[in-house]
Amino acid sequence: MRREDFLGPGPWSIIGWRDDWRGDYIPTPSADPAYLYLDHVVGILPERHLNNGQPSLHAKLLAHAGPQQGDHVVHIGTGTGYYTAIMAHLVGRSGKVTAIELDPGLAARARGNLSSYPNVSVICGNGAVVPFDAADVVYVNAGASRPAETWLDGLSQGGRLILPLTTNKGFMDNDPPVPIERRGAVFRIERRSAEFLARWISPVTIFPCEGARDPLSEAALAEAFEKGGWKEVTGLCRSNDVSQGRCWLRRPGWCLTRDVTQPEDHPPRTGAAPIAARAAATSGCH
């Protein structure tokens, strides 16, 4: 699929990035589609900071999501449909993609752009509450401050949720600079019966997800990013029946947990089990 088919005529507004701060929109020198095949974030509605995301980031996140032929993928925040089309290709004709977009104008554009994809359905609605059939992948394309119950409930056994958790600091132009790793992180959540494994994938700055944010969760997330340790997360628990020492982030009704098989004031011994094995052993709510 061609990126230009989903982004309208050029020139386009792209974003330049620095390691420590989000850059400004700049126009491409011309309407040559070659500019869309560089690793750029491209503005869809620049005045609202709504963008078509960075290809290298989505390639990484999709690799962690692992959509397979025949899978059902739910794409929350489909925008104009470019990455939805890629997911539709990955799941093939035997699979399907449910694309959910809050903005009516963008949903209409996505519906038109994806009209030739028989395995894609586009829904205009709030992705945090719209119900869907059991999903092998829930791919959230906006920043939440908490996981929506709908996303966790909707995962099939072995299903994967790609979940950006973000604070509000540093997102808008008039905010003070905040290092990117303190603005947000993407986690991969995998359902294992009643348990949910979790692990950090990447830092992220992304548009806020309406319906999956609340001030208390945002404040708790900002505090967690300030203290660090997000790479130690191994599980998500849907209760508060977890010792404080195991919680990286705790909010009423859920928490992100970490492996504390070693005492917190002692470094881990050499030869400790790999993190994936420790996650499998310690992801439950204890």
C-alpha atoms as a PDB file:
ATOM      1  CA  MET A   1       0.000   0.000   0.000  1.00  0.00           C
ATOM      2  CA  ARG A   2       1.176   3.489  -0.796  1.00  0.00           C
ATOM      3  CA  ARG A   3       1.395   5.948   2.072  1.00  0.00           C
ATOM      4  CA  GLU A   4       0.394   8.849  -0.182  1.00  0.00           C
ATOM      5  CA  ASP A   5      -2.969   7.166  -0.835  1.00  0.00           C
ATOM      6  CA  PHE A   6      -3.835   7.681   2.842  1.00  0.00           C
ATOM      7  CA  LEU A   7      -2.447  11.175   3.449  1.00  0.00           C
ATOM      8  CA  GLY A   8      -3.948  13.285   0.669  1.00  0.00           C
ATOM      9  CA  PRO A   9      -2.071  15.509  -1.784  1.00  0.00           C
ATOM     10  CA  GLY A  10       1.281  17.077  -0.887  1.00  0.00           C
ATOM     11  CA  PRO A  11       3.225  18.981   0.130  1.00  0.00           C
ATOM     12  CA  TRP A  12       2.858  17.475   3.580  1.00  0.00           C
ATOM     13  CA  SER A  13       3.679  18.731   7.071  1.00  0.00           C
ATOM     14  CA  ILE A  14       6.285  16.565   8.731  1.00  0.00           C
ATOM     15  CA  ILE A  15       7.860  16.634  12.168  1.00  0.00           C
ATOM     16  CA  GLY A  16      11.549  16.854  12.888  1.00  0.00           C
ATOM     17  CA  TRP A  17      12.613  15.087  16.077  1.00  0.00           C
ATOM     18  CA  ARG A  18      15.380  15.562  18.578  1.00  0.00           C
ATOM     19  CA  ASP A  19      16.298  13.022  21.224  1.00  0.00           C
ATOM     20  CA  ASP A  20      15.054  15.248  24.048  1.00  0.00           C
ATOM     21  CA  TRP A  21      12.093  17.113  22.589  1.00  0.00           C
ATOM     22  CA  ARG A  22       9.469  17.096  19.876  1.00  0.00           C
ATOM     23  CA  GLY A  23      10.289  19.353  16.926  1.00  0.00           C
ATOM     24  CA  ASP A  24       7.986  21.608  14.923  1.00  0.00           C
ATOM     25  CA  TYR A  25       6.039  20.868  11.762  1.00  0.00           C
ATOM     26  CA  ILE A  26       7.857  21.747   8.561  1.00  0.00           C
ATOM     27  CA  PRO A  27       6.527  21.451   4.984  1.00  0.00           C
ATOM     28  CA  THR A  28       8.096  19.001   2.587  1.00  0.00           C
ATOM     29  CA  PRO A  29       9.954  20.834  -0.212  1.00  0.00           C
ATOM     30  CA  SER A  30       7.512  19.484  -2.806  1.00  0.00           C
ATOM     31  CA  ALA A  31       4.664  17.036  -3.354  1.00  0.00           C
ATOM     32  CA  ASP A  32       7.097  14.268  -4.325  1.00  0.00           C
ATOM     33  CA  PRO A  33       5.838  11.119  -2.496  1.00  0.00           C
ATOM     34  CA  ALA A  34       9.468  10.144  -1.884  1.00  0.00           C
ATOM     35  CA  TYR A  35       9.325  12.364   1.219  1.00  0.00           C
ATOM     36  CA  LEU A  36       6.708  10.026   2.708  1.00  0.00           C
ATOM     37  CA  TYR A  37       9.101   7.100   2.576  1.00  0.00           C
ATOM     38  CA  LEU A  38      11.593   8.658   4.931  1.00  0.00           C
ATOM     39  CA  ASP A  39      11.165   7.906   8.621  1.00  0.00           C
ATOM     40  CA  HIS A  40       8.931  10.914   9.275  1.00  0.00           C
ATOM     41  CA  VAL A  41       5.853  11.623  11.348  1.00  0.00           C
ATOM     42  CA  VAL A  42       3.380  13.267   8.956  1.00  0.00           C
ATOM     43  CA  GLY A  43       0.673  15.661  10.086  1.00  0.00           C
ATOM     44  CA  ILE A  44      -2.893  14.623   9.319  1.00  0.00           C
ATOM     45  CA  LEU A  45      -4.449  17.528  11.237  1.00  0.00           C
ATOM     46  CA  PRO A  46      -1.378  19.499  12.369  1.00  0.00           C
ATOM     47  CA  GLU A  47      -3.458  22.149  14.109  1.00  0.00           C
ATOM     48  CA  ARG A  48      -4.631  19.414  16.494  1.00  0.00           C
ATOM     49  CA  HIS A  49      -1.317  17.536  16.647  1.00  0.00           C
ATOM     50  CA  LEU A  50      -2.924  14.524  14.943  1.00  0.00           C
ATOM     51  CA  ASN A  51      -0.357  12.620  12.921  1.00  0.00           C
ATOM     52  CA  ASN A  52       0.412   9.562  10.864  1.00  0.00           C
ATOM     53  CA  GLY A  53       3.056   7.997  13.058  1.00  0.00           C
ATOM     54  CA  GLN A  54       6.725   7.245  12.533  1.00  0.00           C
ATOM     55  CA  PRO A  55       7.157   4.115  10.368  1.00  0.00           C
ATOM     56  CA  SER A  56      10.094   2.729  12.359  1.00  0.00           C
ATOM     57  CA  LEU A  57       8.105   2.918  15.603  1.00  0.00           C
ATOM     58  CA  HIS A  58       5.086   1.166  14.098  1.00  0.00           C
ATOM     59  CA  ALA A  59       7.308  -1.500  12.557  1.00  0.00           C
ATOM     60  CA  LYS A  60       8.712  -2.208  16.007  1.00  0.00           C
ATOM     61  CA  LEU A  61       5.312  -2.231  17.713  1.00  0.00           C
ATOM     62  CA  LEU A  62       3.753  -4.453  15.046  1.00  0.00           C
ATOM     63  CA  ALA A  63       6.640  -6.890  15.402  1.00  0.00           C
ATOM     64  CA  HIS A  64       5.870  -7.127  19.140  1.00  0.00           C
ATOM     65  CA  ALA A  65       2.131  -7.432  18.455  1.00  0.00           C
ATOM     66  CA  GLY A  66       2.802 -10.341  16.085  1.00  0.00           C
ATOM     67  CA  PRO A  67      -0.388 -10.373  13.968  1.00  0.00           C
ATOM     68  CA  GLN A  68      -0.663 -13.626  12.022  1.00  0.00           C
ATOM     69  CA  GLN A  69      -2.705 -14.882   9.099  1.00  0.00           C
ATOM     70  CA  GLY A  70      -6.287 -15.411  10.277  1.00  0.00           C
ATOM     71  CA  ASP A  71      -6.021 -13.162  13.342  1.00  0.00           C
ATOM     72  CA  HIS A  72      -8.519 -10.537  14.421  1.00  0.00           C
ATOM     73  CA  VAL A  73      -6.832  -7.185  15.051  1.00  0.00           C
ATOM     74  CA  VAL A  74      -8.590  -4.241  16.667  1.00  0.00           C
ATOM     75  CA  HIS A  75      -6.963  -0.927  15.765  1.00  0.00           C
ATOM     76  CA  ILE A  76      -7.860   1.855  18.204  1.00  0.00           C
ATOM     77  CA  GLY A  77      -7.254   5.270  16.634  1.00  0.00           C
ATOM     78  CA  THR A  78      -7.073   4.288  12.979  1.00  0.00           C
ATOM     79  CA  GLY A  79      -6.642   7.856  11.708  1.00  0.00           C
ATOM     80  CA  THR A  80      -6.833   7.776   7.917  1.00  0.00           C
ATOM     81  CA  GLY A  81      -6.114   4.044   7.787  1.00  0.00           C
ATOM     82  CA  TYR A  82      -2.517   3.615   6.626  1.00  0.00           C
ATOM     83  CA  TYR A  83      -1.347   1.339   9.429  1.00  0.00           C
ATOM     84  CA  THR A  84      -4.752  -0.358   9.437  1.00  0.00           C
ATOM     85  CA  ALA A  85      -4.094  -1.344   5.824  1.00  0.00           C
ATOM     86  CA  ILE A  86      -0.732  -2.819   6.806  1.00  0.00           C
ATOM     87  CA  MET A  87      -2.432  -4.871   9.539  1.00  0.00           C
ATOM     88  CA  ALA A  88      -5.058  -6.037   7.045  1.00  0.00           C
ATOM     89  CA  HIS A  89      -2.265  -7.291   4.809  1.00  0.00           C
ATOM     90  CA  LEU A  90      -0.574  -9.088   7.730  1.00  0.00           C
ATOM     91  CA  VAL A  91      -3.722 -10.989   8.798  1.00  0.00           C
ATOM     92  CA  GLY A  92      -4.674 -11.839   5.208  1.00  0.00           C
ATOM     93  CA  ARG A  93      -8.054 -12.665   3.772  1.00  0.00           C
ATOM     94  CA  SER A  94      -8.700 -15.230   6.486  1.00  0.00           C
ATOM     95  CA  GLY A  95      -8.261 -12.552   9.162  1.00  0.00           C
ATOM     96  CA  LYS A  96     -10.006  -9.294   9.895  1.00  0.00           C
ATOM     97  CA  VAL A  97      -9.303  -5.837  11.242  1.00  0.00           C
ATOM     98  CA  THR A  98     -11.779  -3.779  13.237  1.00  0.00           C
ATOM     99  CA  ALA A  99     -10.723  -0.133  12.910  1.00  0.00           C
ATOM    100  CA  ILE A 100     -12.113   2.332  15.472  1.00  0.00           C
ATOM    101  CA  GLU A 101     -11.738   6.098  15.074  1.00  0.00           C
ATOM    102  CA  LEU A 102     -13.259   8.772  17.315  1.00  0.00           C
ATOM    103  CA  ASP A 103     -13.093  11.706  14.892  1.00  0.00           C
ATOM    104  CA  PRO A 104     -15.982  11.518  12.365  1.00  0.00           C
ATOM    105  CA  GLY A 105     -13.998  13.237   9.611  1.00  0.00           C
ATOM    106  CA  LEU A 106     -11.040  10.898   9.977  1.00  0.00           C
ATOM    107  CA  ALA A 107     -13.329   7.872  10.218  1.00  0.00           C
ATOM    108  CA  ALA A 108     -14.954   8.887   6.930  1.00  0.00           C
ATOM    109  CA  ARG A 109     -11.539   9.289   5.290  1.00  0.00           C
ATOM    110  CA  ALA A 110     -10.414   5.905   6.612  1.00  0.00           C
ATOM    111  CA  ARG A 111     -13.595   4.265   5.377  1.00  0.00           C
ATOM    112  CA  GLY A 112     -12.952   5.619   1.885  1.00  0.00           C
ATOM    113  CA  ASN A 113      -9.252   4.767   1.931  1.00  0.00           C
ATOM    114  CA  LEU A 114      -9.956   1.209   3.093  1.00  0.00           C
ATOM    115  CA  SER A 115     -12.966   0.534   0.871  1.00  0.00           C
ATOM    116  CA  SER A 116     -10.981  -1.949  -1.225  1.00  0.00           C
ATOM    117  CA  TYR A 117     -10.067  -4.035   1.850  1.00  0.00           C
ATOM    118  CA  PRO A 118     -12.863  -6.587   2.401  1.00  0.00           C
ATOM    119  CA  ASN A 119     -11.378  -7.750   5.697  1.00  0.00           C
ATOM    120  CA  VAL A 120     -11.547  -4.280   7.316  1.00  0.00           C
ATOM    121  CA  SER A 121     -14.531  -2.653   9.011  1.00  0.00           C
ATOM    122  CA  VAL A 122     -14.325   0.965  10.191  1.00  0.00           C
ATOM    123  CA  ILE A 123     -16.341   2.121  13.205  1.00  0.00           C
ATOM    124  CA  CYS A 124     -16.699   5.750  14.270  1.00  0.00           C
ATOM    125  CA  GLY A 125     -16.740   5.773  18.047  1.00  0.00           C
ATOM    126  CA  ASN A 126     -14.828   5.943  21.315  1.00  0.00           C
ATOM    127  CA  GLY A 127     -12.240   3.170  21.144  1.00  0.00           C
ATOM    128  CA  ALA A 128     -12.187   2.825  24.928  1.00  0.00           C
ATOM    129  CA  VAL A 129     -15.796   1.649  25.073  1.00  0.00           C
ATOM    130  CA  VAL A 130     -16.799   0.302  21.631  1.00  0.00           C
ATOM    131  CA  PRO A 131     -17.357  -3.480  22.015  1.00  0.00           C
ATOM    132  CA  PHE A 132     -15.692  -5.912  19.639  1.00  0.00           C
ATOM    133  CA  ASP A 133     -15.337  -9.642  19.031  1.00  0.00           C
ATOM    134  CA  ALA A 134     -12.495 -11.435  20.817  1.00  0.00           C
ATOM    135  CA  ALA A 135      -9.226 -10.076  19.452  1.00  0.00           C
ATOM    136  CA  ASP A 136      -5.813 -11.636  18.965  1.00  0.00           C
ATOM    137  CA  VAL A 137      -4.289  -8.140  18.889  1.00  0.00           C
ATOM    138  CA  VAL A 138      -5.562  -4.839  20.278  1.00  0.00           C
ATOM    139  CA  TYR A 139      -3.329  -2.113  18.870  1.00  0.00           C
ATOM    140  CA  VAL A 140      -3.853   1.232  20.592  1.00  0.00           C
ATOM    141  CA  ASN A 141      -2.708   4.185  18.496  1.00  0.00           C
ATOM    142  CA  ALA A 142      -3.119   6.904  21.154  1.00  0.00           C
ATOM    143  CA  GLY A 143      -1.816   7.610  24.637  1.00  0.00           C
ATOM    144  CA  ALA A 144      -3.842   6.268  27.563  1.00  0.00           C
ATOM    145  CA  SER A 145      -3.214   6.833  31.243  1.00  0.00           C
ATOM    146  CA  ARG A 146      -4.797   3.472  32.082  1.00  0.00           C
ATOM    147  CA  PRO A 147      -5.842   0.310  30.220  1.00  0.00           C
ATOM    148  CA  ALA A 148      -9.521   0.345  29.246  1.00  0.00           C
ATOM    149  CA  GLU A 149     -11.526  -2.575  30.619  1.00  0.00           C
ATOM    150  CA  THR A 150     -12.858  -3.181  27.096  1.00  0.00           C
ATOM    151  CA  TRP A 151      -9.355  -3.818  25.766  1.00  0.00           C
ATOM    152  CA  LEU A 152      -8.421  -6.298  28.490  1.00  0.00           C
ATOM    153  CA  ASP A 153     -11.794  -8.056  28.416  1.00  0.00           C
ATOM    154  CA  GLY A 154     -11.658  -8.286  24.623  1.00  0.00           C
ATOM    155  CA  LEU A 155      -8.328 -10.110  24.402  1.00  0.00           C
ATOM    156  CA  SER A 156      -8.484 -13.760  23.452  1.00  0.00           C
ATOM    157  CA  GLN A 157      -6.268 -16.241  25.302  1.00  0.00           C
ATOM    158  CA  GLY A 158      -2.740 -15.442  24.214  1.00  0.00           C
ATOM    159  CA  GLY A 159      -3.948 -12.119  22.807  1.00  0.00           C
ATOM    160  CA  ARG A 160      -1.634  -9.114  22.827  1.00  0.00           C
ATOM    161  CA  LEU A 161      -2.440  -5.526  23.738  1.00  0.00           C
ATOM    162  CA  ILE A 162      -0.074  -2.810  22.516  1.00  0.00           C
ATOM    163  CA  LEU A 163      -0.626  -0.094  25.106  1.00  0.00           C
ATOM    164  CA  PRO A 164       0.954   3.391  25.069  1.00  0.00           C
ATOM    165  CA  LEU A 165       0.761   4.897  28.554  1.00  0.00           C
ATOM    166  CA  THR A 166       1.505   8.623  28.540  1.00  0.00           C
ATOM    167  CA  THR A 167       1.473  11.698  30.712  1.00  0.00           C
ATOM    168  CA  ASN A 168       0.273  15.086  29.510  1.00  0.00           C
ATOM    169  CA  LYS A 169       3.599  16.809  30.173  1.00  0.00           C
ATOM    170  CA  GLY A 170       5.477  17.938  27.130  1.00  0.00           C
ATOM    171  CA  PHE A 171       2.778  17.123  24.602  1.00  0.00           C
ATOM    172  CA  MET A 172       1.610  20.620  23.693  1.00  0.00           C
ATOM    173  CA  ASP A 173       3.879  23.354  22.363  1.00  0.00           C
ATOM    174  CA  ASN A 174       3.675  25.536  25.470  1.00  0.00           C
ATOM    175  CA  ASP A 175       4.684  22.785  27.882  1.00  0.00           C
ATOM    176  CA  PRO A 176       8.225  22.782  29.270  1.00  0.00           C
ATOM    177  CA  PRO A 177      10.602  20.246  27.707  1.00  0.00           C
ATOM    178  CA  VAL A 178      10.377  16.799  29.285  1.00  0.00           C
ATOM    179  CA  PRO A 179      12.666  13.888  28.317  1.00  0.00           C
ATOM    180  CA  ILE A 180      10.758  11.536  26.035  1.00  0.00           C
ATOM    181  CA  GLU A 181      11.072   8.564  28.375  1.00  0.00           C
ATOM    182  CA  ARG A 182       9.130  10.515  31.030  1.00  0.00           C
ATOM    183  CA  ARG A 183       6.323  11.425  28.639  1.00  0.00           C
ATOM    184  CA  GLY A 184       5.276   7.912  27.759  1.00  0.00           C
ATOM    185  CA  ALA A 185       6.099   4.259  27.249  1.00  0.00           C
ATOM    186  CA  VAL A 186       4.555   1.475  25.205  1.00  0.00           C
ATOM    187  CA  PHE A 187       3.888  -1.814  26.954  1.00  0.00           C
ATOM    188  CA  ARG A 188       3.010  -5.211  25.480  1.00  0.00           C
ATOM    189  CA  ILE A 189       0.308  -6.928  27.531  1.00  0.00           C
ATOM    190  CA  GLU A 190      -0.358 -10.627  26.895  1.00  0.00           C
ATOM    191  CA  ARG A 191      -3.330 -12.513  28.290  1.00  0.00           C
ATOM    192  CA  ARG A 192      -2.594 -15.839  29.950  1.00  0.00           C
ATOM    193  CA  SER A 193      -5.895 -17.137  31.315  1.00  0.00           C
ATOM    194  CA  ALA A 194      -6.726 -14.751  34.168  1.00  0.00           C
ATOM    195  CA  GLU A 195      -3.201 -13.316  34.244  1.00  0.00           C
ATOM    196  CA  PHE A 196      -1.598 -10.637  32.108  1.00  0.00           C
ATOM    197  CA  LEU A 197       2.107 -10.572  31.351  1.00  0.00           C
ATOM    198  CA  ALA A 198       3.547  -7.143  30.618  1.00  0.00           C
ATOM    199  CA  ARG A 199       6.794  -5.736  29.312  1.00  0.00           C
ATOM    200  CA  TRP A 200       8.136  -2.403  28.150  1.00  0.00           C
ATOM    201  CA  ILE A 201       8.729  -1.959  24.408  1.00  0.00           C
ATOM    202  CA  SER A 202       9.572   1.651  23.640  1.00  0.00           C
ATOM    203  CA  PRO A 203       9.365   5.290  24.733  1.00  0.00           C
ATOM    204  CA  VAL A 204       6.663   7.244  22.922  1.00  0.00           C
ATOM    205  CA  THR A 205       5.058  10.640  22.444  1.00  0.00           C
ATOM    206  CA  ILE A 206       1.571  10.305  20.999  1.00  0.00           C
ATOM    207  CA  PHE A 207      -1.825  12.025  20.850  1.00  0.00           C
ATOM    208  CA  PRO A 208      -3.949  11.447  24.002  1.00  0.00           C
ATOM    209  CA  CYS A 209      -6.593   8.713  23.903  1.00  0.00           C
ATOM    210  CA  GLU A 210      -9.976  10.158  24.822  1.00  0.00           C
ATOM    211  CA  GLY A 211     -11.929   7.850  27.106  1.00  0.00           C
ATOM    212  CA  ALA A 212      -8.838   6.093  28.500  1.00  0.00           C
ATOM    213  CA  ARG A 213      -7.473   8.936  30.608  1.00  0.00           C
ATOM    214  CA  ASP A 214      -8.210  10.275  34.072  1.00  0.00           C
ATOM    215  CA  PRO A 215      -6.322  12.809  36.199  1.00  0.00           C
ATOM    216  CA  LEU A 216      -5.489  10.446  39.056  1.00  0.00           C
ATOM    217  CA  SER A 217      -4.059   7.784  36.747  1.00  0.00           C
ATOM    218  CA  GLU A 218      -2.126  10.433  34.834  1.00  0.00           C
ATOM    219  CA  ALA A 219      -0.624  11.742  38.070  1.00  0.00           C
ATOM    220  CA  ALA A 220       0.323   8.231  39.211  1.00  0.00           C
ATOM    221  CA  LEU A 221       1.900   7.533  35.839  1.00  0.00           C
ATOM    222  CA  ALA A 222       3.909  10.767  35.933  1.00  0.00           C
ATOM    223  CA  GLU A 223       5.175   9.839  39.404  1.00  0.00           C
ATOM    224  CA  ALA A 224       6.125   6.352  38.197  1.00  0.00           C
ATOM    225  CA  PHE A 225       8.063   7.755  35.241  1.00  0.00           C
ATOM    226  CA  GLU A 226       9.876  10.153  37.555  1.00  0.00           C
ATOM    227  CA  LYS A 227      11.126   7.323  39.764  1.00  0.00           C
ATOM    228  CA  GLY A 228      12.124   5.153  36.773  1.00  0.00           C
ATOM    229  CA  GLY A 229      12.047   1.378  36.526  1.00  0.00           C
ATOM    230  CA  TRP A 230       9.519   0.962  33.716  1.00  0.00           C
ATOM    231  CA  LYS A 231      11.770  -1.615  32.043  1.00  0.00           C
ATOM    232  CA  GLU A 232      11.343  -3.861  35.104  1.00  0.00           C
ATOM    233  CA  VAL A 233       7.566  -4.247  34.598  1.00  0.00           C
ATOM    234  CA  THR A 234       6.552  -7.886  34.168  1.00  0.00           C
ATOM    235  CA  GLY A 235       2.797  -7.989  34.723  1.00  0.00           C
ATOM    236  CA  LEU A 236      -0.541  -6.215  34.878  1.00  0.00           C
ATOM    237  CA  CYS A 237      -2.934  -7.047  37.686  1.00  0.00           C
ATOM    238  CA  ARG A 238      -6.629  -6.116  37.641  1.00  0.00           C
ATOM    239  CA  SER A 239      -6.907  -5.703  41.389  1.00  0.00           C
ATOM    240  CA  ASN A 240      -4.993  -4.098  44.225  1.00  0.00           C
ATOM    241  CA  ASP A 241      -4.276  -7.408  45.939  1.00  0.00           C
ATOM    242  CA  VAL A 242      -0.564  -6.891  45.326  1.00  0.00           C
ATOM    243  CA  SER A 243       2.166  -5.982  47.800  1.00  0.00           C
ATOM    244  CA  GLN A 244       3.363  -2.395  47.487  1.00  0.00           C
ATOM    245  CA  GLY A 245       6.902  -3.553  46.820  1.00  0.00           C
ATOM    246  CA  ARG A 246       5.801  -5.366  43.673  1.00  0.00           C
ATOM    247  CA  CYS A 247       3.947  -2.385  42.204  1.00  0.00           C
ATOM    248  CA  TRP A 248       5.657  -0.091  39.751  1.00  0.00           C
ATOM    249  CA  LEU A 249       2.375   1.802  39.340  1.00  0.00           C
ATOM    250  CA  ARG A 250      -0.762   1.365  41.442  1.00  0.00           C
ATOM    251  CA  ARG A 251      -4.208   2.790  40.888  1.00  0.00           C
ATOM    252  CA  PRO A 252      -7.560   1.616  42.313  1.00  0.00           C
ATOM    253  CA  GLY A 253      -8.504  -1.540  40.422  1.00  0.00           C
ATOM    254  CA  TRP A 254      -5.221  -2.185  38.600  1.00  0.00           C
ATOM    255  CA  CYS A 255      -1.466  -2.018  38.822  1.00  0.00           C
ATOM    256  CA  LEU A 256       1.663  -2.715  36.830  1.00  0.00           C
ATOM    257  CA  THR A 257       3.866  -5.161  38.689  1.00  0.00           C
ATOM    258  CA  ARG A 258       7.539  -6.006  38.673  1.00  0.00           C
ATOM    259  CA  ASP A 259       9.618  -8.988  39.699  1.00  0.00           C
ATOM    260  CA  VAL A 260      11.005  -8.563  43.192  1.00  0.00           C
ATOM    261  CA  THR A 261      12.207 -12.108  43.782  1.00  0.00           C
ATOM    262  CA  GLN A 262      15.435 -10.451  44.949  1.00  0.00           C
ATOM    263  CA  PRO A 263      15.303  -8.085  47.968  1.00  0.00           C
ATOM    264  CA  GLU A 264      14.934  -4.526  46.686  1.00  0.00           C
ATOM    265  CA  ASP A 265      18.117  -3.353  48.413  1.00  0.00           C
ATOM    266  CA  HIS A 266      20.245  -6.148  46.928  1.00  0.00           C
ATOM    267  CA  PRO A 267      21.411  -6.408  43.313  1.00  0.00           C
ATOM    268  CA  PRO A 268      20.290  -9.516  41.401  1.00  0.00           C
ATOM    269  CA  ARG A 269      22.714 -12.421  41.434  1.00  0.00           C
ATOM    270  CA  THR A 270      24.589 -13.274  38.283  1.00  0.00           C
ATOM    271  CA  GLY A 271      22.995 -16.020  36.269  1.00  0.00           C
ATOM    272  CA  ALA A 272      19.470 -14.913  37.204  1.00  0.00           C
ATOM    273  CA  ALA A 273      16.682 -16.249  35.002  1.00  0.00           C
ATOM    274  CA  PRO A 274      15.892 -14.202  31.889  1.00  0.00           C
ATOM    275  CA  ILE A 275      13.170 -11.608  32.352  1.00  0.00           C
ATOM    276  CA  ALA A 276      10.679 -13.505  30.157  1.00  0.00           C
ATOM    277  CA  ALA A 277      10.965 -16.549  32.401  1.00  0.00           C
ATOM    278  CA  ARG A 278      10.676 -14.425  35.533  1.00  0.00           C
ATOM    279  CA  ALA A 279       7.602 -12.716  34.066  1.00  0.00           C
ATOM    280  CA  ALA A 280       5.909 -16.052  33.484  1.00  0.00           C
ATOM    281  CA  ALA A 281       6.678 -17.094  37.037  1.00  0.00           C
ATOM    282  CA  THR A 282       5.665 -13.863  38.788  1.00  0.00           C
ATOM    283  CA  SER A 283       2.928 -12.251  36.709  1.00  0.00           C
ATOM    284  CA  GLY A 284       0.056 -13.284  38.962  1.00  0.00           C
ATOM    285  CA  CYS A 285      -1.514 -11.110  41.656  1.00  0.00           C
ATOM    286  CA  HIS A 286       0.052 -11.947  45.003  1.00  0.00           C
END
